[in-house]
Amino acid sequence: MKFKRSVHTRVSVFLLLCASMSFCSLSCMEPLPADISAFVRGYPGEVRVVNYNKQYQDWLINVNGTDLFWAGSRFLPQTELSNINKWRPYLDYTYSKKIPDPEDSTIFTKDFIAQLKSDEFYESRRAQNPYYTAFYDALYDCATRGAIEKHIVKISFLGHNLNIHEKLVPAIKRVEKEIYLLKDKEIKHKVTPEYGTVQFFLEQIADIQGYSWREVSDTSNPSQHSRGIAIDILPKEWSTKNMYWRWRADWDDDWMLLSLDRRWMPALDVVKAFEKEGFIWGGKWYLWDDMHFEYRPELFF
């Protein structure tokens, strides 16, 4: 999934990258990693390249005035470089272009299924390295609850109240506009408002949850909800369908094999509308969370 760009936008992105590199010495021969370029393009004006530091053999990145070393997408200050193995990379997975299907044995191999069923799986989630939070702290001013709540605003989204970081409001409003246009298109073409359509999705929304100061289940990492950049869309009812792996795993050891038609999902056109604005959907994770969207524009480049 890629953002749609006009010629003007592509030129702007090129100029942005050139500007970000203007601080790098002409003698710098290190090629800029594509992953760093993804952050520069994903957060224009907020993430830029300072230089390649020969002493530490790493790129120095500036995030809203805070200098951090790339450190394999860990975004660490110089004082933490000696502890690099303590911290988890931000880019620790690739966002899938399609929904991982439990019937695909090339993905859900016997070994992978056994791993997900094992007690060690839950223990490893609890024991996994945390992310060093300096990148998000600089980007969203979210180091403390008091700090982040100064940036949380209440808006109307798809007919419901939503508490979200102020920086995301323009993107959220574009998502909303696109979803309503999709609904109007369905009505114009006399599409029946049944499960899988945008009309049905909108009619079934019971609540939309955004900001919430909390950690990710089974881990010590702050949830993206605690930064105001994640959204959960809950339907009025989901009948015999399921929407979150953890709720299923509490009583079903074979939760990872649940067929896609037994999972509640938003209309796929709705997912695409979010993705076009830089939001990933939790339904494309192996640990599926079909109600969940979060802002991660760097994963689309």
Protein backbone atom coordinates (compact mmCIF):
# COMPACT_ATOMS: atom_id res chain seq x y z
CA MET A 1 0.00 0.00 0.00
CA LYS A 2 1.47 3.33 -1.07
CA PHE A 3 0.29 6.88 -0.66
CA LYS A 4 -1.11 8.45 -3.82
CA ARG A 5 1.13 11.32 -4.79
CA SER A 6 0.84 14.10 -7.33
CA VAL A 7 3.88 15.25 -9.31
CA HIS A 8 4.02 18.26 -7.00
CA THR A 9 4.12 15.99 -3.94
CA ARG A 10 6.88 13.83 -5.41
CA VAL A 11 8.96 16.91 -6.15
CA SER A 12 8.33 18.19 -2.62
CA VAL A 13 9.47 14.89 -1.14
CA PHE A 14 12.64 14.99 -3.26
CA LEU A 15 13.41 18.54 -2.12
CA LEU A 16 12.70 17.57 1.48
CA LEU A 17 15.21 14.72 1.32
CA CYS A 18 17.79 17.00 -0.27
CA ALA A 19 17.25 19.58 2.45
CA SER A 20 17.56 16.95 5.16
CA MET A 21 20.90 15.89 3.72
CA SER A 22 22.27 19.41 3.50
CA PHE A 23 23.79 18.98 6.97
CA CYS A 24 25.79 15.93 5.93
CA SER A 25 29.45 16.52 5.06
CA LEU A 26 30.29 16.31 1.37
CA SER A 27 32.91 13.75 2.33
CA CYS A 28 30.20 11.49 3.71
CA MET A 29 30.17 8.45 1.46
CA GLU A 30 27.70 6.35 3.46
CA PRO A 31 24.44 5.74 1.52
CA LEU A 32 21.33 6.81 3.39
CA PRO A 33 19.44 3.66 4.45
CA ALA A 34 15.95 3.31 2.97
CA ASP A 35 14.50 2.87 6.47
CA ILE A 36 15.76 6.30 7.50
CA SER A 37 14.32 7.82 4.32
CA ALA A 38 10.96 6.29 5.27
CA PHE A 39 10.91 8.25 8.53
CA VAL A 40 12.01 11.48 6.82
CA ARG A 41 9.20 11.14 4.26
CA GLY A 42 6.66 9.85 6.79
CA TYR A 43 7.13 12.82 9.14
CA PRO A 44 8.03 15.75 6.87
CA GLY A 45 9.44 18.74 8.72
CA GLU A 46 9.75 16.78 11.96
CA VAL A 47 12.37 14.15 11.18
CA ARG A 48 15.54 15.09 9.33
CA VAL A 49 19.04 13.74 8.84
CA VAL A 50 21.81 15.75 10.56
CA ASN A 51 24.91 13.85 9.45
CA TYR A 52 26.76 10.56 9.44
CA ASN A 53 28.86 10.43 12.59
CA LYS A 54 32.16 8.72 11.78
CA GLN A 55 33.11 8.32 15.42
CA TYR A 56 30.04 6.22 16.20
CA GLN A 57 29.61 4.97 12.61
CA ASP A 58 25.94 5.85 12.66
CA TRP A 59 23.47 8.41 11.40
CA LEU A 60 22.46 11.28 13.63
CA ILE A 61 18.76 12.10 13.24
CA ASN A 62 16.97 15.19 14.51
CA VAL A 63 13.37 14.73 15.69
CA ASN A 64 11.70 18.05 16.46
CA GLY A 65 14.93 19.48 17.83
CA THR A 66 16.14 16.35 19.63
CA ASP A 67 19.29 14.70 18.22
CA LEU A 68 19.17 10.89 18.31
CA PHE A 69 21.34 8.22 16.75
CA TRP A 70 19.59 5.88 14.33
CA ALA A 71 20.93 2.76 16.10
CA GLY A 72 19.09 0.37 13.80
CA SER A 73 15.76 2.27 14.16
CA ARG A 74 16.03 2.46 17.96
CA PHE A 75 16.51 6.27 18.03
CA LEU A 76 18.99 6.45 20.92
CA PRO A 77 20.90 9.33 22.52
CA GLN A 78 24.67 8.97 22.62
CA THR A 79 24.51 7.93 26.29
CA GLU A 80 22.45 4.84 25.38
CA LEU A 81 24.53 3.54 22.45
CA SER A 82 26.48 1.21 24.73
CA ASN A 83 23.15 -0.33 25.80
CA ILE A 84 21.81 -0.83 22.28
CA ASN A 85 20.88 -4.49 22.87
CA LYS A 86 18.52 -3.46 25.66
CA TRP A 87 16.22 -1.70 23.23
CA ARG A 88 13.84 -2.97 20.57
CA PRO A 89 13.96 -1.48 17.03
CA TYR A 90 10.93 0.55 15.97
CA LEU A 91 11.04 -1.17 12.57
CA ASP A 92 10.82 -4.72 13.85
CA TYR A 93 8.26 -5.94 11.32
CA THR A 94 7.00 -5.24 7.80
CA TYR A 95 3.39 -4.17 7.39
CA SER A 96 1.66 -6.75 5.20
CA LYS A 97 -0.12 -5.85 1.96
CA LYS A 98 -2.72 -8.54 2.64
CA ILE A 99 -4.37 -10.20 5.61
CA PRO A 100 -2.34 -13.22 6.79
CA ASP A 101 -4.61 -16.20 6.10
CA PRO A 102 -4.52 -19.12 8.59
CA GLU A 103 -5.14 -21.44 5.65
CA ASP A 104 -1.82 -20.41 4.10
CA SER A 105 0.55 -23.14 5.27
CA THR A 106 3.57 -21.20 4.03
CA ILE A 107 2.85 -18.61 6.75
CA PHE A 108 1.17 -20.67 9.43
CA THR A 109 3.63 -23.55 9.44
CA LYS A 110 3.48 -26.32 12.03
CA ASP A 111 6.45 -24.77 13.82
CA PHE A 112 4.89 -21.30 13.83
CA ILE A 113 1.59 -22.63 15.16
CA ALA A 114 3.41 -24.60 17.87
CA GLN A 115 5.31 -21.45 18.83
CA LEU A 116 2.09 -19.43 19.18
CA LYS A 117 0.56 -22.18 21.33
CA SER A 118 3.52 -22.54 23.66
CA ASP A 119 3.76 -21.11 27.17
CA GLU A 120 7.09 -19.62 26.08
CA PHE A 121 5.23 -17.38 23.62
CA TYR A 122 3.49 -15.45 26.40
CA GLU A 123 6.64 -15.40 28.50
CA SER A 124 8.63 -13.99 25.57
CA ARG A 125 6.04 -11.24 25.09
CA ARG A 126 6.41 -10.22 28.71
CA ALA A 127 10.20 -10.44 28.54
CA GLN A 128 10.76 -8.73 25.19
CA ASN A 129 12.92 -5.64 25.10
CA PRO A 130 11.02 -2.35 25.37
CA TYR A 131 11.30 0.49 22.88
CA TYR A 132 13.40 3.48 23.88
CA THR A 133 10.73 6.16 23.86
CA ALA A 134 12.77 9.24 22.88
CA PHE A 135 11.50 9.21 19.28
CA TYR A 136 7.83 9.35 20.26
CA ASP A 137 8.54 11.69 23.16
CA ALA A 138 10.12 14.17 20.73
CA LEU A 139 7.45 13.66 18.08
CA TYR A 140 4.33 13.81 20.26
CA ASP A 141 5.50 15.24 23.64
CA CYS A 142 4.22 12.12 25.39
CA ALA A 143 6.85 11.33 28.04
CA THR A 144 4.32 11.80 30.84
CA ARG A 145 0.56 11.68 31.14
CA GLY A 146 0.47 15.37 32.00
CA ALA A 147 2.50 16.27 28.92
CA ILE A 148 0.50 14.23 26.40
CA GLU A 149 -2.89 15.31 27.67
CA LYS A 150 -2.08 18.90 26.74
CA HIS A 151 -2.13 17.72 23.11
CA ILE A 152 -5.23 15.51 23.21
CA VAL A 153 -8.30 17.04 21.57
CA LYS A 154 -11.89 15.82 21.28
CA ILE A 155 -13.27 15.72 17.75
CA SER A 156 -16.26 14.24 15.98
CA PHE A 157 -15.33 11.24 13.82
CA LEU A 158 -17.89 9.20 11.89
CA GLY A 159 -20.63 10.53 14.17
CA HIS A 160 -18.84 9.67 17.42
CA ASN A 161 -16.58 11.52 19.85
CA LEU A 162 -12.88 10.71 19.55
CA ASN A 163 -9.98 11.83 21.75
CA ILE A 164 -6.86 12.01 19.59
CA HIS A 165 -3.49 13.79 19.36
CA GLU A 166 -3.92 17.20 17.78
CA LYS A 167 -1.33 16.40 15.10
CA LEU A 168 -3.50 13.64 13.67
CA VAL A 169 -6.66 15.69 13.24
CA PRO A 170 -6.06 16.66 9.56
CA ALA A 171 -5.35 13.04 8.57
CA ILE A 172 -8.35 11.74 10.53
CA LYS A 173 -10.63 14.27 8.86
CA ARG A 174 -9.38 13.15 5.42
CA VAL A 175 -10.11 9.54 6.37
CA GLU A 176 -13.62 10.54 7.43
CA LYS A 177 -14.24 12.42 4.19
CA GLU A 178 -13.09 9.43 2.13
CA ILE A 179 -15.31 7.01 4.08
CA TYR A 180 -18.38 9.20 3.56
CA LEU A 181 -17.59 9.46 -0.16
CA LEU A 182 -17.37 5.65 -0.30
CA LYS A 183 -20.75 5.40 1.44
CA ASP A 184 -22.33 7.83 -1.05
CA LYS A 185 -20.86 5.84 -3.93
CA GLU A 186 -22.41 2.62 -2.60
CA ILE A 187 -25.79 4.30 -2.24
CA LYS A 188 -25.54 5.74 -5.75
CA HIS A 189 -24.90 2.27 -7.14
CA LYS A 190 -27.67 0.77 -4.98
CA VAL A 191 -25.30 -1.49 -3.05
CA THR A 192 -27.16 -3.43 -0.34
CA PRO A 193 -25.92 -2.32 3.12
CA GLU A 194 -24.77 -5.76 4.28
CA TYR A 195 -21.70 -6.96 6.16
CA GLY A 196 -18.56 -5.95 4.25
CA THR A 197 -19.96 -2.69 2.92
CA VAL A 198 -19.11 0.81 4.13
CA GLN A 199 -22.79 1.48 4.83
CA PHE A 200 -23.06 -1.51 7.16
CA PHE A 201 -19.79 -0.60 8.87
CA LEU A 202 -21.02 2.92 9.63
CA GLU A 203 -24.43 1.71 10.85
CA GLN A 204 -22.82 -0.80 13.21
CA ILE A 205 -20.37 1.52 14.98
CA ALA A 206 -21.12 1.56 18.70
CA ASP A 207 -18.07 3.42 19.98
CA ILE A 208 -14.73 4.82 18.82
CA GLN A 209 -11.93 4.92 21.38
CA GLY A 210 -8.70 6.84 21.00
CA TYR A 211 -6.43 8.22 23.69
CA SER A 212 -6.00 6.06 26.80
CA TRP A 213 -2.97 6.07 29.12
CA ARG A 214 -2.04 2.37 29.28
CA GLU A 215 0.47 -0.33 28.31
CA VAL A 216 0.25 -2.99 25.60
CA SER A 217 -1.28 -6.22 26.91
CA ASP A 218 1.33 -8.68 28.28
CA THR A 219 4.20 -6.17 27.84
CA SER A 220 5.78 -3.16 29.50
CA ASN A 221 5.59 -1.02 26.33
CA PRO A 222 3.33 2.02 26.30
CA SER A 223 0.31 1.49 24.05
CA GLN A 224 -0.01 3.72 21.02
CA HIS A 225 -3.30 4.75 22.60
CA SER A 226 -1.26 6.41 25.36
CA ARG A 227 0.28 8.64 22.68
CA GLY A 228 -3.08 9.51 21.15
CA ILE A 229 -2.18 7.96 17.77
CA ALA A 230 -4.31 4.80 17.88
CA ILE A 231 -8.03 4.23 17.35
CA ASP A 232 -10.30 1.29 18.24
CA ILE A 233 -13.62 1.07 16.37
CA LEU A 234 -16.12 -1.15 18.18
CA PRO A 235 -19.33 -2.44 16.54
CA LYS A 236 -22.72 -2.73 18.21
CA GLU A 237 -22.54 -6.50 17.96
CA TRP A 238 -20.39 -9.02 16.14
CA SER A 239 -22.58 -12.12 16.42
CA THR A 240 -20.40 -15.25 16.23
CA LYS A 241 -17.40 -13.36 14.86
CA ASN A 242 -14.21 -12.46 16.75
CA MET A 243 -12.17 -9.27 16.64
CA TYR A 244 -9.17 -9.60 18.98
CA TRP A 245 -6.77 -12.53 19.26
CA ARG A 246 -6.24 -12.12 23.01
CA TRP A 247 -9.94 -12.41 23.79
CA ARG A 248 -10.08 -15.64 21.77
CA ALA A 249 -6.80 -17.02 23.13
CA ASP A 250 -8.15 -16.88 26.70
CA TRP A 251 -10.22 -20.00 25.95
CA ASP A 252 -9.16 -21.35 22.53
CA ASP A 253 -5.65 -22.79 22.02
CA ASP A 254 -6.27 -22.77 18.26
CA TRP A 255 -7.09 -19.07 18.10
CA MET A 256 -4.46 -18.47 15.38
CA LEU A 257 -6.27 -20.92 13.07
CA LEU A 258 -9.60 -19.13 13.22
CA SER A 259 -10.72 -18.65 9.61
CA LEU A 260 -10.95 -15.11 8.28
CA ASP A 261 -14.70 -15.38 7.71
CA ARG A 262 -15.17 -15.85 11.46
CA ARG A 263 -13.39 -12.60 12.30
CA TRP A 264 -15.23 -9.29 12.50
CA MET A 265 -13.66 -6.78 10.13
CA PRO A 266 -14.38 -3.27 8.95
CA ALA A 267 -15.16 -2.92 5.25
CA LEU A 268 -11.91 -3.32 3.32
CA ASP A 269 -12.55 0.02 1.61
CA VAL A 270 -12.50 1.58 5.08
CA VAL A 271 -9.14 -0.07 5.78
CA LYS A 272 -7.78 1.35 2.52
CA ALA A 273 -9.02 4.83 3.43
CA PHE A 274 -7.06 4.67 6.69
CA GLU A 275 -3.96 3.23 5.01
CA LYS A 276 -3.93 5.99 2.42
CA GLU A 277 -3.42 8.46 5.28
CA GLY A 278 -0.65 6.50 7.01
CA PHE A 279 -2.65 4.35 9.43
CA ILE A 280 -1.96 0.64 9.72
CA TRP A 281 -4.73 -1.84 10.58
CA GLY A 282 -4.35 -4.45 13.30
CA GLY A 283 -6.19 -7.02 11.19
CA LYS A 284 -2.98 -7.52 9.18
CA TRP A 285 -0.99 -8.59 12.23
CA TYR A 286 -0.46 -12.27 13.09
CA LEU A 287 -1.75 -11.27 16.53
CA TRP A 288 -4.85 -9.80 14.94
CA ASP A 289 -6.65 -6.83 16.43
CA ASP A 290 -9.36 -6.05 13.91
CA MET A 291 -10.79 -3.02 15.68
CA HIS A 292 -7.41 -1.26 15.82
CA PHE A 293 -5.81 1.44 13.64
CA GLU A 294 -2.63 3.36 14.45
CA TYR A 295 -0.63 6.08 12.75
CA ARG A 296 2.63 4.65 11.34
CA PRO A 297 3.33 6.44 8.04
CA GLU A 298 6.95 5.20 7.94
CA LEU A 299 5.67 1.66 7.25
CA PHE A 300 4.27 2.66 3.85
CA PHE A 301 7.56 3.74 2.23
